[in-house]
Amino acid sequence: HGDADLDEAEQRYDEVAKGGIPDD
């Protein structure tokens, strides 16, 4: 997917891992 989507993918993983709900 390239670098552009990496940060968002990792952030979404962290949100869910902490029990949160992603914004998107």
PDBML (XML) file of the C-alpha atoms, coordinates in Angstrom:
<?xml version="1.0" encoding="UTF-8" ?>
<PDBx:datablock datablockName="MODEL"
   xmlns:PDBx="http://pdbml.pdb.org/schema/pdbx-v50.xsd"
   xmlns:xsi="http://www.w3.org/2001/XMLSchema-instance"
   xsi:schemaLocation="http://pdbml.pdb.org/schema/pdbx-v50.xsd pdbx-v50.xsd">
   <PDBx:atom_siteCategory>
      <PDBx:atom_site id="1">
         <PDBx:B_iso_or_equiv>0.00</PDBx:B_iso_or_equiv>
         <PDBx:Cartn_x>0.000</PDBx:Cartn_x>
         <PDBx:Cartn_y>0.000</PDBx:Cartn_y>
         <PDBx:Cartn_z>0.000</PDBx:Cartn_z>
         <PDBx:auth_asym_id>A</PDBx:auth_asym_id>
         <PDBx:auth_atom_id>CA</PDBx:auth_atom_id>
         <PDBx:auth_comp_id>HIS</PDBx:auth_comp_id>
         <PDBx:auth_seq_id>1</PDBx:auth_seq_id>
         <PDBx:group_PDB>ATOM</PDBx:group_PDB>
         <PDBx:label_alt_id xsi:nil="true" />
         <PDBx:label_asym_id>A</PDBx:label_asym_id>
         <PDBx:label_atom_id>CA</PDBx:label_atom_id>
         <PDBx:label_comp_id>HIS</PDBx:label_comp_id>
         <PDBx:label_entity_id>1</PDBx:label_entity_id>
         <PDBx:label_seq_id>1</PDBx:label_seq_id>
         <PDBx:occupancy>1.00</PDBx:occupancy>
         <PDBx:pdbx_PDB_model_num>1</PDBx:pdbx_PDB_model_num>
         <PDBx:type_symbol>C</PDBx:type_symbol>
      </PDBx:atom_site>
      <PDBx:atom_site id="2">
         <PDBx:B_iso_or_equiv>0.00</PDBx:B_iso_or_equiv>
         <PDBx:Cartn_x>2.991</PDBx:Cartn_x>
         <PDBx:Cartn_y>2.333</PDBx:Cartn_y>
         <PDBx:Cartn_z>0.229</PDBx:Cartn_z>
         <PDBx:auth_asym_id>A</PDBx:auth_asym_id>
         <PDBx:auth_atom_id>CA</PDBx:auth_atom_id>
         <PDBx:auth_comp_id>GLY</PDBx:auth_comp_id>
         <PDBx:auth_seq_id>2</PDBx:auth_seq_id>
         <PDBx:group_PDB>ATOM</PDBx:group_PDB>
         <PDBx:label_alt_id xsi:nil="true" />
         <PDBx:label_asym_id>A</PDBx:label_asym_id>
         <PDBx:label_atom_id>CA</PDBx:label_atom_id>
         <PDBx:label_comp_id>GLY</PDBx:label_comp_id>
         <PDBx:label_entity_id>1</PDBx:label_entity_id>
         <PDBx:label_seq_id>2</PDBx:label_seq_id>
         <PDBx:occupancy>1.00</PDBx:occupancy>
         <PDBx:pdbx_PDB_model_num>1</PDBx:pdbx_PDB_model_num>
         <PDBx:type_symbol>C</PDBx:type_symbol>
      </PDBx:atom_site>
      <PDBx:atom_site id="3">
         <PDBx:B_iso_or_equiv>0.00</PDBx:B_iso_or_equiv>
         <PDBx:Cartn_x>3.953</PDBx:Cartn_x>
         <PDBx:Cartn_y>4.701</PDBx:Cartn_y>
         <PDBx:Cartn_z>3.024</PDBx:Cartn_z>
         <PDBx:auth_asym_id>A</PDBx:auth_asym_id>
         <PDBx:auth_atom_id>CA</PDBx:auth_atom_id>
         <PDBx:auth_comp_id>ASP</PDBx:auth_comp_id>
         <PDBx:auth_seq_id>3</PDBx:auth_seq_id>
         <PDBx:group_PDB>ATOM</PDBx:group_PDB>
         <PDBx:label_alt_id xsi:nil="true" />
         <PDBx:label_asym_id>A</PDBx:label_asym_id>
         <PDBx:label_atom_id>CA</PDBx:label_atom_id>
         <PDBx:label_comp_id>ASP</PDBx:label_comp_id>
         <PDBx:label_entity_id>1</PDBx:label_entity_id>
         <PDBx:label_seq_id>3</PDBx:label_seq_id>
         <PDBx:occupancy>1.00</PDBx:occupancy>
         <PDBx:pdbx_PDB_model_num>1</PDBx:pdbx_PDB_model_num>
         <PDBx:type_symbol>C</PDBx:type_symbol>
      </PDBx:atom_site>
      <PDBx:atom_site id="4">
         <PDBx:B_iso_or_equiv>0.00</PDBx:B_iso_or_equiv>
         <PDBx:Cartn_x>0.908</PDBx:Cartn_x>
         <PDBx:Cartn_y>6.952</PDBx:Cartn_y>
         <PDBx:Cartn_z>2.654</PDBx:Cartn_z>
         <PDBx:auth_asym_id>A</PDBx:auth_asym_id>
         <PDBx:auth_atom_id>CA</PDBx:auth_atom_id>
         <PDBx:auth_comp_id>ALA</PDBx:auth_comp_id>
         <PDBx:auth_seq_id>4</PDBx:auth_seq_id>
         <PDBx:group_PDB>ATOM</PDBx:group_PDB>
         <PDBx:label_alt_id xsi:nil="true" />
         <PDBx:label_asym_id>A</PDBx:label_asym_id>
         <PDBx:label_atom_id>CA</PDBx:label_atom_id>
         <PDBx:label_comp_id>ALA</PDBx:label_comp_id>
         <PDBx:label_entity_id>1</PDBx:label_entity_id>
         <PDBx:label_seq_id>4</PDBx:label_seq_id>
         <PDBx:occupancy>1.00</PDBx:occupancy>
         <PDBx:pdbx_PDB_model_num>1</PDBx:pdbx_PDB_model_num>
         <PDBx:type_symbol>C</PDBx:type_symbol>
      </PDBx:atom_site>
      <PDBx:atom_site id="5">
         <PDBx:B_iso_or_equiv>0.00</PDBx:B_iso_or_equiv>
         <PDBx:Cartn_x>-1.539</PDBx:Cartn_x>
         <PDBx:Cartn_y>4.552</PDBx:Cartn_y>
         <PDBx:Cartn_z>4.358</PDBx:Cartn_z>
         <PDBx:auth_asym_id>A</PDBx:auth_asym_id>
         <PDBx:auth_atom_id>CA</PDBx:auth_atom_id>
         <PDBx:auth_comp_id>ASP</PDBx:auth_comp_id>
         <PDBx:auth_seq_id>5</PDBx:auth_seq_id>
         <PDBx:group_PDB>ATOM</PDBx:group_PDB>
         <PDBx:label_alt_id xsi:nil="true" />
         <PDBx:label_asym_id>A</PDBx:label_asym_id>
         <PDBx:label_atom_id>CA</PDBx:label_atom_id>
         <PDBx:label_comp_id>ASP</PDBx:label_comp_id>
         <PDBx:label_entity_id>1</PDBx:label_entity_id>
         <PDBx:label_seq_id>5</PDBx:label_seq_id>
         <PDBx:occupancy>1.00</PDBx:occupancy>
         <PDBx:pdbx_PDB_model_num>1</PDBx:pdbx_PDB_model_num>
         <PDBx:type_symbol>C</PDBx:type_symbol>
      </PDBx:atom_site>
      <PDBx:atom_site id="6">
         <PDBx:B_iso_or_equiv>0.00</PDBx:B_iso_or_equiv>
         <PDBx:Cartn_x>0.842</PDBx:Cartn_x>
         <PDBx:Cartn_y>3.120</PDBx:Cartn_y>
         <PDBx:Cartn_z>6.947</PDBx:Cartn_z>
         <PDBx:auth_asym_id>A</PDBx:auth_asym_id>
         <PDBx:auth_atom_id>CA</PDBx:auth_atom_id>
         <PDBx:auth_comp_id>LEU</PDBx:auth_comp_id>
         <PDBx:auth_seq_id>6</PDBx:auth_seq_id>
         <PDBx:group_PDB>ATOM</PDBx:group_PDB>
         <PDBx:label_alt_id xsi:nil="true" />
         <PDBx:label_asym_id>A</PDBx:label_asym_id>
         <PDBx:label_atom_id>CA</PDBx:label_atom_id>
         <PDBx:label_comp_id>LEU</PDBx:label_comp_id>
         <PDBx:label_entity_id>1</PDBx:label_entity_id>
         <PDBx:label_seq_id>6</PDBx:label_seq_id>
         <PDBx:occupancy>1.00</PDBx:occupancy>
         <PDBx:pdbx_PDB_model_num>1</PDBx:pdbx_PDB_model_num>
         <PDBx:type_symbol>C</PDBx:type_symbol>
      </PDBx:atom_site>
      <PDBx:atom_site id="7">
         <PDBx:B_iso_or_equiv>0.00</PDBx:B_iso_or_equiv>
         <PDBx:Cartn_x>0.401</PDBx:Cartn_x>
         <PDBx:Cartn_y>5.629</PDBx:Cartn_y>
         <PDBx:Cartn_z>9.767</PDBx:Cartn_z>
         <PDBx:auth_asym_id>A</PDBx:auth_asym_id>
         <PDBx:auth_atom_id>CA</PDBx:auth_atom_id>
         <PDBx:auth_comp_id>ASP</PDBx:auth_comp_id>
         <PDBx:auth_seq_id>7</PDBx:auth_seq_id>
         <PDBx:group_PDB>ATOM</PDBx:group_PDB>
         <PDBx:label_alt_id xsi:nil="true" />
         <PDBx:label_asym_id>A</PDBx:label_asym_id>
         <PDBx:label_atom_id>CA</PDBx:label_atom_id>
         <PDBx:label_comp_id>ASP</PDBx:label_comp_id>
         <PDBx:label_entity_id>1</PDBx:label_entity_id>
         <PDBx:label_seq_id>7</PDBx:label_seq_id>
         <PDBx:occupancy>1.00</PDBx:occupancy>
         <PDBx:pdbx_PDB_model_num>1</PDBx:pdbx_PDB_model_num>
         <PDBx:type_symbol>C</PDBx:type_symbol>
      </PDBx:atom_site>
      <PDBx:atom_site id="8">
         <PDBx:B_iso_or_equiv>0.00</PDBx:B_iso_or_equiv>
         <PDBx:Cartn_x>-3.378</PDBx:Cartn_x>
         <PDBx:Cartn_y>5.513</PDBx:Cartn_y>
         <PDBx:Cartn_z>9.549</PDBx:Cartn_z>
         <PDBx:auth_asym_id>A</PDBx:auth_asym_id>
         <PDBx:auth_atom_id>CA</PDBx:auth_atom_id>
         <PDBx:auth_comp_id>GLU</PDBx:auth_comp_id>
         <PDBx:auth_seq_id>8</PDBx:auth_seq_id>
         <PDBx:group_PDB>ATOM</PDBx:group_PDB>
         <PDBx:label_alt_id xsi:nil="true" />
         <PDBx:label_asym_id>A</PDBx:label_asym_id>
         <PDBx:label_atom_id>CA</PDBx:label_atom_id>
         <PDBx:label_comp_id>GLU</PDBx:label_comp_id>
         <PDBx:label_entity_id>1</PDBx:label_entity_id>
         <PDBx:label_seq_id>8</PDBx:label_seq_id>
         <PDBx:occupancy>1.00</PDBx:occupancy>
         <PDBx:pdbx_PDB_model_num>1</PDBx:pdbx_PDB_model_num>
         <PDBx:type_symbol>C</PDBx:type_symbol>
      </PDBx:atom_site>
      <PDBx:atom_site id="9">
         <PDBx:B_iso_or_equiv>0.00</PDBx:B_iso_or_equiv>
         <PDBx:Cartn_x>-3.384</PDBx:Cartn_x>
         <PDBx:Cartn_y>1.698</PDBx:Cartn_y>
         <PDBx:Cartn_z>9.540</PDBx:Cartn_z>
         <PDBx:auth_asym_id>A</PDBx:auth_asym_id>
         <PDBx:auth_atom_id>CA</PDBx:auth_atom_id>
         <PDBx:auth_comp_id>ALA</PDBx:auth_comp_id>
         <PDBx:auth_seq_id>9</PDBx:auth_seq_id>
         <PDBx:group_PDB>ATOM</PDBx:group_PDB>
         <PDBx:label_alt_id xsi:nil="true" />
         <PDBx:label_asym_id>A</PDBx:label_asym_id>
         <PDBx:label_atom_id>CA</PDBx:label_atom_id>
         <PDBx:label_comp_id>ALA</PDBx:label_comp_id>
         <PDBx:label_entity_id>1</PDBx:label_entity_id>
         <PDBx:label_seq_id>9</PDBx:label_seq_id>
         <PDBx:occupancy>1.00</PDBx:occupancy>
         <PDBx:pdbx_PDB_model_num>1</PDBx:pdbx_PDB_model_num>
         <PDBx:type_symbol>C</PDBx:type_symbol>
      </PDBx:atom_site>
      <PDBx:atom_site id="10">
         <PDBx:B_iso_or_equiv>0.00</PDBx:B_iso_or_equiv>
         <PDBx:Cartn_x>-1.176</PDBx:Cartn_x>
         <PDBx:Cartn_y>1.541</PDBx:Cartn_y>
         <PDBx:Cartn_z>12.635</PDBx:Cartn_z>
         <PDBx:auth_asym_id>A</PDBx:auth_asym_id>
         <PDBx:auth_atom_id>CA</PDBx:auth_atom_id>
         <PDBx:auth_comp_id>GLU</PDBx:auth_comp_id>
         <PDBx:auth_seq_id>10</PDBx:auth_seq_id>
         <PDBx:group_PDB>ATOM</PDBx:group_PDB>
         <PDBx:label_alt_id xsi:nil="true" />
         <PDBx:label_asym_id>A</PDBx:label_asym_id>
         <PDBx:label_atom_id>CA</PDBx:label_atom_id>
         <PDBx:label_comp_id>GLU</PDBx:label_comp_id>
         <PDBx:label_entity_id>1</PDBx:label_entity_id>
         <PDBx:label_seq_id>10</PDBx:label_seq_id>
         <PDBx:occupancy>1.00</PDBx:occupancy>
         <PDBx:pdbx_PDB_model_num>1</PDBx:pdbx_PDB_model_num>
         <PDBx:type_symbol>C</PDBx:type_symbol>
      </PDBx:atom_site>
      <PDBx:atom_site id="11">
         <PDBx:B_iso_or_equiv>0.00</PDBx:B_iso_or_equiv>
         <PDBx:Cartn_x>-3.213</PDBx:Cartn_x>
         <PDBx:Cartn_y>4.215</PDBx:Cartn_y>
         <PDBx:Cartn_z>14.404</PDBx:Cartn_z>
         <PDBx:auth_asym_id>A</PDBx:auth_asym_id>
         <PDBx:auth_atom_id>CA</PDBx:auth_atom_id>
         <PDBx:auth_comp_id>GLN</PDBx:auth_comp_id>
         <PDBx:auth_seq_id>11</PDBx:auth_seq_id>
         <PDBx:group_PDB>ATOM</PDBx:group_PDB>
         <PDBx:label_alt_id xsi:nil="true" />
         <PDBx:label_asym_id>A</PDBx:label_asym_id>
         <PDBx:label_atom_id>CA</PDBx:label_atom_id>
         <PDBx:label_comp_id>GLN</PDBx:label_comp_id>
         <PDBx:label_entity_id>1</PDBx:label_entity_id>
         <PDBx:label_seq_id>11</PDBx:label_seq_id>
         <PDBx:occupancy>1.00</PDBx:occupancy>
         <PDBx:pdbx_PDB_model_num>1</PDBx:pdbx_PDB_model_num>
         <PDBx:type_symbol>C</PDBx:type_symbol>
      </PDBx:atom_site>
      <PDBx:atom_site id="12">
         <PDBx:B_iso_or_equiv>0.00</PDBx:B_iso_or_equiv>
         <PDBx:Cartn_x>-6.440</PDBx:Cartn_x>
         <PDBx:Cartn_y>2.333</PDBx:Cartn_y>
         <PDBx:Cartn_z>13.714</PDBx:Cartn_z>
         <PDBx:auth_asym_id>A</PDBx:auth_asym_id>
         <PDBx:auth_atom_id>CA</PDBx:auth_atom_id>
         <PDBx:auth_comp_id>ARG</PDBx:auth_comp_id>
         <PDBx:auth_seq_id>12</PDBx:auth_seq_id>
         <PDBx:group_PDB>ATOM</PDBx:group_PDB>
         <PDBx:label_alt_id xsi:nil="true" />
         <PDBx:label_asym_id>A</PDBx:label_asym_id>
         <PDBx:label_atom_id>CA</PDBx:label_atom_id>
         <PDBx:label_comp_id>ARG</PDBx:label_comp_id>
         <PDBx:label_entity_id>1</PDBx:label_entity_id>
         <PDBx:label_seq_id>12</PDBx:label_seq_id>
         <PDBx:occupancy>1.00</PDBx:occupancy>
         <PDBx:pdbx_PDB_model_num>1</PDBx:pdbx_PDB_model_num>
         <PDBx:type_symbol>C</PDBx:type_symbol>
      </PDBx:atom_site>
      <PDBx:atom_site id="13">
         <PDBx:B_iso_or_equiv>0.00</PDBx:B_iso_or_equiv>
         <PDBx:Cartn_x>-4.893</PDBx:Cartn_x>
         <PDBx:Cartn_y>-0.857</PDBx:Cartn_y>
         <PDBx:Cartn_z>15.081</PDBx:Cartn_z>
         <PDBx:auth_asym_id>A</PDBx:auth_asym_id>
         <PDBx:auth_atom_id>CA</PDBx:auth_atom_id>
         <PDBx:auth_comp_id>TYR</PDBx:auth_comp_id>
         <PDBx:auth_seq_id>13</PDBx:auth_seq_id>
         <PDBx:group_PDB>ATOM</PDBx:group_PDB>
         <PDBx:label_alt_id xsi:nil="true" />
         <PDBx:label_asym_id>A</PDBx:label_asym_id>
         <PDBx:label_atom_id>CA</PDBx:label_atom_id>
         <PDBx:label_comp_id>TYR</PDBx:label_comp_id>
         <PDBx:label_entity_id>1</PDBx:label_entity_id>
         <PDBx:label_seq_id>13</PDBx:label_seq_id>
         <PDBx:occupancy>1.00</PDBx:occupancy>
         <PDBx:pdbx_PDB_model_num>1</PDBx:pdbx_PDB_model_num>
         <PDBx:type_symbol>C</PDBx:type_symbol>
      </PDBx:atom_site>
      <PDBx:atom_site id="14">
         <PDBx:B_iso_or_equiv>0.00</PDBx:B_iso_or_equiv>
         <PDBx:Cartn_x>-3.847</PDBx:Cartn_x>
         <PDBx:Cartn_y>0.941</PDBx:Cartn_y>
         <PDBx:Cartn_z>18.273</PDBx:Cartn_z>
         <PDBx:auth_asym_id>A</PDBx:auth_asym_id>
         <PDBx:auth_atom_id>CA</PDBx:auth_atom_id>
         <PDBx:auth_comp_id>ASP</PDBx:auth_comp_id>
         <PDBx:auth_seq_id>14</PDBx:auth_seq_id>
         <PDBx:group_PDB>ATOM</PDBx:group_PDB>
         <PDBx:label_alt_id xsi:nil="true" />
         <PDBx:label_asym_id>A</PDBx:label_asym_id>
         <PDBx:label_atom_id>CA</PDBx:label_atom_id>
         <PDBx:label_comp_id>ASP</PDBx:label_comp_id>
         <PDBx:label_entity_id>1</PDBx:label_entity_id>
         <PDBx:label_seq_id>14</PDBx:label_seq_id>
         <PDBx:occupancy>1.00</PDBx:occupancy>
         <PDBx:pdbx_PDB_model_num>1</PDBx:pdbx_PDB_model_num>
         <PDBx:type_symbol>C</PDBx:type_symbol>
      </PDBx:atom_site>
      <PDBx:atom_site id="15">
         <PDBx:B_iso_or_equiv>0.00</PDBx:B_iso_or_equiv>
         <PDBx:Cartn_x>-7.297</PDBx:Cartn_x>
         <PDBx:Cartn_y>2.470</PDBx:Cartn_y>
         <PDBx:Cartn_z>18.758</PDBx:Cartn_z>
         <PDBx:auth_asym_id>A</PDBx:auth_asym_id>
         <PDBx:auth_atom_id>CA</PDBx:auth_atom_id>
         <PDBx:auth_comp_id>GLU</PDBx:auth_comp_id>
         <PDBx:auth_seq_id>15</PDBx:auth_seq_id>
         <PDBx:group_PDB>ATOM</PDBx:group_PDB>
         <PDBx:label_alt_id xsi:nil="true" />
         <PDBx:label_asym_id>A</PDBx:label_asym_id>
         <PDBx:label_atom_id>CA</PDBx:label_atom_id>
         <PDBx:label_comp_id>GLU</PDBx:label_comp_id>
         <PDBx:label_entity_id>1</PDBx:label_entity_id>
         <PDBx:label_seq_id>15</PDBx:label_seq_id>
         <PDBx:occupancy>1.00</PDBx:occupancy>
         <PDBx:pdbx_PDB_model_num>1</PDBx:pdbx_PDB_model_num>
         <PDBx:type_symbol>C</PDBx:type_symbol>
      </PDBx:atom_site>
      <PDBx:atom_site id="16">
         <PDBx:B_iso_or_equiv>0.00</PDBx:B_iso_or_equiv>
         <PDBx:Cartn_x>-9.020</PDBx:Cartn_x>
         <PDBx:Cartn_y>-0.898</PDBx:Cartn_y>
         <PDBx:Cartn_z>18.486</PDBx:Cartn_z>
         <PDBx:auth_asym_id>A</PDBx:auth_asym_id>
         <PDBx:auth_atom_id>CA</PDBx:auth_atom_id>
         <PDBx:auth_comp_id>VAL</PDBx:auth_comp_id>
         <PDBx:auth_seq_id>16</PDBx:auth_seq_id>
         <PDBx:group_PDB>ATOM</PDBx:group_PDB>
         <PDBx:label_alt_id xsi:nil="true" />
         <PDBx:label_asym_id>A</PDBx:label_asym_id>
         <PDBx:label_atom_id>CA</PDBx:label_atom_id>
         <PDBx:label_comp_id>VAL</PDBx:label_comp_id>
         <PDBx:label_entity_id>1</PDBx:label_entity_id>
         <PDBx:label_seq_id>16</PDBx:label_seq_id>
         <PDBx:occupancy>1.00</PDBx:occupancy>
         <PDBx:pdbx_PDB_model_num>1</PDBx:pdbx_PDB_model_num>
         <PDBx:type_symbol>C</PDBx:type_symbol>
      </PDBx:atom_site>
      <PDBx:atom_site id="17">
         <PDBx:B_iso_or_equiv>0.00</PDBx:B_iso_or_equiv>
         <PDBx:Cartn_x>-6.399</PDBx:Cartn_x>
         <PDBx:Cartn_y>-2.643</PDBx:Cartn_y>
         <PDBx:Cartn_z>20.636</PDBx:Cartn_z>
         <PDBx:auth_asym_id>A</PDBx:auth_asym_id>
         <PDBx:auth_atom_id>CA</PDBx:auth_atom_id>
         <PDBx:auth_comp_id>ALA</PDBx:auth_comp_id>
         <PDBx:auth_seq_id>17</PDBx:auth_seq_id>
         <PDBx:group_PDB>ATOM</PDBx:group_PDB>
         <PDBx:label_alt_id xsi:nil="true" />
         <PDBx:label_asym_id>A</PDBx:label_asym_id>
         <PDBx:label_atom_id>CA</PDBx:label_atom_id>
         <PDBx:label_comp_id>ALA</PDBx:label_comp_id>
         <PDBx:label_entity_id>1</PDBx:label_entity_id>
         <PDBx:label_seq_id>17</PDBx:label_seq_id>
         <PDBx:occupancy>1.00</PDBx:occupancy>
         <PDBx:pdbx_PDB_model_num>1</PDBx:pdbx_PDB_model_num>
         <PDBx:type_symbol>C</PDBx:type_symbol>
      </PDBx:atom_site>
      <PDBx:atom_site id="18">
         <PDBx:B_iso_or_equiv>0.00</PDBx:B_iso_or_equiv>
         <PDBx:Cartn_x>-7.159</PDBx:Cartn_x>
         <PDBx:Cartn_y>-0.158</PDBx:Cartn_y>
         <PDBx:Cartn_z>23.409</PDBx:Cartn_z>
         <PDBx:auth_asym_id>A</PDBx:auth_asym_id>
         <PDBx:auth_atom_id>CA</PDBx:auth_atom_id>
         <PDBx:auth_comp_id>LYS</PDBx:auth_comp_id>
         <PDBx:auth_seq_id>18</PDBx:auth_seq_id>
         <PDBx:group_PDB>ATOM</PDBx:group_PDB>
         <PDBx:label_alt_id xsi:nil="true" />
         <PDBx:label_asym_id>A</PDBx:label_asym_id>
         <PDBx:label_atom_id>CA</PDBx:label_atom_id>
         <PDBx:label_comp_id>LYS</PDBx:label_comp_id>
         <PDBx:label_entity_id>1</PDBx:label_entity_id>
         <PDBx:label_seq_id>18</PDBx:label_seq_id>
         <PDBx:occupancy>1.00</PDBx:occupancy>
         <PDBx:pdbx_PDB_model_num>1</PDBx:pdbx_PDB_model_num>
         <PDBx:type_symbol>C</PDBx:type_symbol>
      </PDBx:atom_site>
      <PDBx:atom_site id="19">
         <PDBx:B_iso_or_equiv>0.00</PDBx:B_iso_or_equiv>
         <PDBx:Cartn_x>-10.875</PDBx:Cartn_x>
         <PDBx:Cartn_y>-0.837</PDBx:Cartn_y>
         <PDBx:Cartn_z>23.141</PDBx:Cartn_z>
         <PDBx:auth_asym_id>A</PDBx:auth_asym_id>
         <PDBx:auth_atom_id>CA</PDBx:auth_atom_id>
         <PDBx:auth_comp_id>GLY</PDBx:auth_comp_id>
         <PDBx:auth_seq_id>19</PDBx:auth_seq_id>
         <PDBx:group_PDB>ATOM</PDBx:group_PDB>
         <PDBx:label_alt_id xsi:nil="true" />
         <PDBx:label_asym_id>A</PDBx:label_asym_id>
         <PDBx:label_atom_id>CA</PDBx:label_atom_id>
         <PDBx:label_comp_id>GLY</PDBx:label_comp_id>
         <PDBx:label_entity_id>1</PDBx:label_entity_id>
         <PDBx:label_seq_id>19</PDBx:label_seq_id>
         <PDBx:occupancy>1.00</PDBx:occupancy>
         <PDBx:pdbx_PDB_model_num>1</PDBx:pdbx_PDB_model_num>
         <PDBx:type_symbol>C</PDBx:type_symbol>
      </PDBx:atom_site>
      <PDBx:atom_site id="20">
         <PDBx:B_iso_or_equiv>0.00</PDBx:B_iso_or_equiv>
         <PDBx:Cartn_x>-11.679</PDBx:Cartn_x>
         <PDBx:Cartn_y>2.289</PDBx:Cartn_y>
         <PDBx:Cartn_z>21.150</PDBx:Cartn_z>
         <PDBx:auth_asym_id>A</PDBx:auth_asym_id>
         <PDBx:auth_atom_id>CA</PDBx:auth_atom_id>
         <PDBx:auth_comp_id>GLY</PDBx:auth_comp_id>
         <PDBx:auth_seq_id>20</PDBx:auth_seq_id>
         <PDBx:group_PDB>ATOM</PDBx:group_PDB>
         <PDBx:label_alt_id xsi:nil="true" />
         <PDBx:label_asym_id>A</PDBx:label_asym_id>
         <PDBx:label_atom_id>CA</PDBx:label_atom_id>
         <PDBx:label_comp_id>GLY</PDBx:label_comp_id>
         <PDBx:label_entity_id>1</PDBx:label_entity_id>
         <PDBx:label_seq_id>20</PDBx:label_seq_id>
         <PDBx:occupancy>1.00</PDBx:occupancy>
         <PDBx:pdbx_PDB_model_num>1</PDBx:pdbx_PDB_model_num>
         <PDBx:type_symbol>C</PDBx:type_symbol>
      </PDBx:atom_site>
      <PDBx:atom_site id="21">
         <PDBx:B_iso_or_equiv>0.00</PDBx:B_iso_or_equiv>
         <PDBx:Cartn_x>-13.867</PDBx:Cartn_x>
         <PDBx:Cartn_y>2.696</PDBx:Cartn_y>
         <PDBx:Cartn_z>18.094</PDBx:Cartn_z>
         <PDBx:auth_asym_id>A</PDBx:auth_asym_id>
         <PDBx:auth_atom_id>CA</PDBx:auth_atom_id>
         <PDBx:auth_comp_id>ILE</PDBx:auth_comp_id>
         <PDBx:auth_seq_id>21</PDBx:auth_seq_id>
         <PDBx:group_PDB>ATOM</PDBx:group_PDB>
         <PDBx:label_alt_id xsi:nil="true" />
         <PDBx:label_asym_id>A</PDBx:label_asym_id>
         <PDBx:label_atom_id>CA</PDBx:label_atom_id>
         <PDBx:label_comp_id>ILE</PDBx:label_comp_id>
         <PDBx:label_entity_id>1</PDBx:label_entity_id>
         <PDBx:label_seq_id>21</PDBx:label_seq_id>
         <PDBx:occupancy>1.00</PDBx:occupancy>
         <PDBx:pdbx_PDB_model_num>1</PDBx:pdbx_PDB_model_num>
         <PDBx:type_symbol>C</PDBx:type_symbol>
      </PDBx:atom_site>
      <PDBx:atom_site id="22">
         <PDBx:B_iso_or_equiv>0.00</PDBx:B_iso_or_equiv>
         <PDBx:Cartn_x>-12.230</PDBx:Cartn_x>
         <PDBx:Cartn_y>4.055</PDBx:Cartn_y>
         <PDBx:Cartn_z>14.927</PDBx:Cartn_z>
         <PDBx:auth_asym_id>A</PDBx:auth_asym_id>
         <PDBx:auth_atom_id>CA</PDBx:auth_atom_id>
         <PDBx:auth_comp_id>PRO</PDBx:auth_comp_id>
         <PDBx:auth_seq_id>22</PDBx:auth_seq_id>
         <PDBx:group_PDB>ATOM</PDBx:group_PDB>
         <PDBx:label_alt_id xsi:nil="true" />
         <PDBx:label_asym_id>A</PDBx:label_asym_id>
         <PDBx:label_atom_id>CA</PDBx:label_atom_id>
         <PDBx:label_comp_id>PRO</PDBx:label_comp_id>
         <PDBx:label_entity_id>1</PDBx:label_entity_id>
         <PDBx:label_seq_id>22</PDBx:label_seq_id>
         <PDBx:occupancy>1.00</PDBx:occupancy>
         <PDBx:pdbx_PDB_model_num>1</PDBx:pdbx_PDB_model_num>
         <PDBx:type_symbol>C</PDBx:type_symbol>
      </PDBx:atom_site>
      <PDBx:atom_site id="23">
         <PDBx:B_iso_or_equiv>0.00</PDBx:B_iso_or_equiv>
         <PDBx:Cartn_x>-13.582</PDBx:Cartn_x>
         <PDBx:Cartn_y>7.313</PDBx:Cartn_y>
         <PDBx:Cartn_z>13.531</PDBx:Cartn_z>
         <PDBx:auth_asym_id>A</PDBx:auth_asym_id>
         <PDBx:auth_atom_id>CA</PDBx:auth_atom_id>
         <PDBx:auth_comp_id>ASP</PDBx:auth_comp_id>
         <PDBx:auth_seq_id>23</PDBx:auth_seq_id>
         <PDBx:group_PDB>ATOM</PDBx:group_PDB>
         <PDBx:label_alt_id xsi:nil="true" />
         <PDBx:label_asym_id>A</PDBx:label_asym_id>
         <PDBx:label_atom_id>CA</PDBx:label_atom_id>
         <PDBx:label_comp_id>ASP</PDBx:label_comp_id>
         <PDBx:label_entity_id>1</PDBx:label_entity_id>
         <PDBx:label_seq_id>23</PDBx:label_seq_id>
         <PDBx:occupancy>1.00</PDBx:occupancy>
         <PDBx:pdbx_PDB_model_num>1</PDBx:pdbx_PDB_model_num>
         <PDBx:type_symbol>C</PDBx:type_symbol>
      </PDBx:atom_site>
      <PDBx:atom_site id="24">
         <PDBx:B_iso_or_equiv>0.00</PDBx:B_iso_or_equiv>
         <PDBx:Cartn_x>-13.974</PDBx:Cartn_x>
         <PDBx:Cartn_y>6.076</PDBx:Cartn_y>
         <PDBx:Cartn_z>9.961</PDBx:Cartn_z>
         <PDBx:auth_asym_id>A</PDBx:auth_asym_id>
         <PDBx:auth_atom_id>CA</PDBx:auth_atom_id>
         <PDBx:auth_comp_id>ASP</PDBx:auth_comp_id>
         <PDBx:auth_seq_id>24</PDBx:auth_seq_id>
         <PDBx:group_PDB>ATOM</PDBx:group_PDB>
         <PDBx:label_alt_id xsi:nil="true" />
         <PDBx:label_asym_id>A</PDBx:label_asym_id>
         <PDBx:label_atom_id>CA</PDBx:label_atom_id>
         <PDBx:label_comp_id>ASP</PDBx:label_comp_id>
         <PDBx:label_entity_id>1</PDBx:label_entity_id>
         <PDBx:label_seq_id>24</PDBx:label_seq_id>
         <PDBx:occupancy>1.00</PDBx:occupancy>
         <PDBx:pdbx_PDB_model_num>1</PDBx:pdbx_PDB_model_num>
         <PDBx:type_symbol>C</PDBx:type_symbol>
      </PDBx:atom_site>
   </PDBx:atom_siteCategory>
</PDBx:datablock>
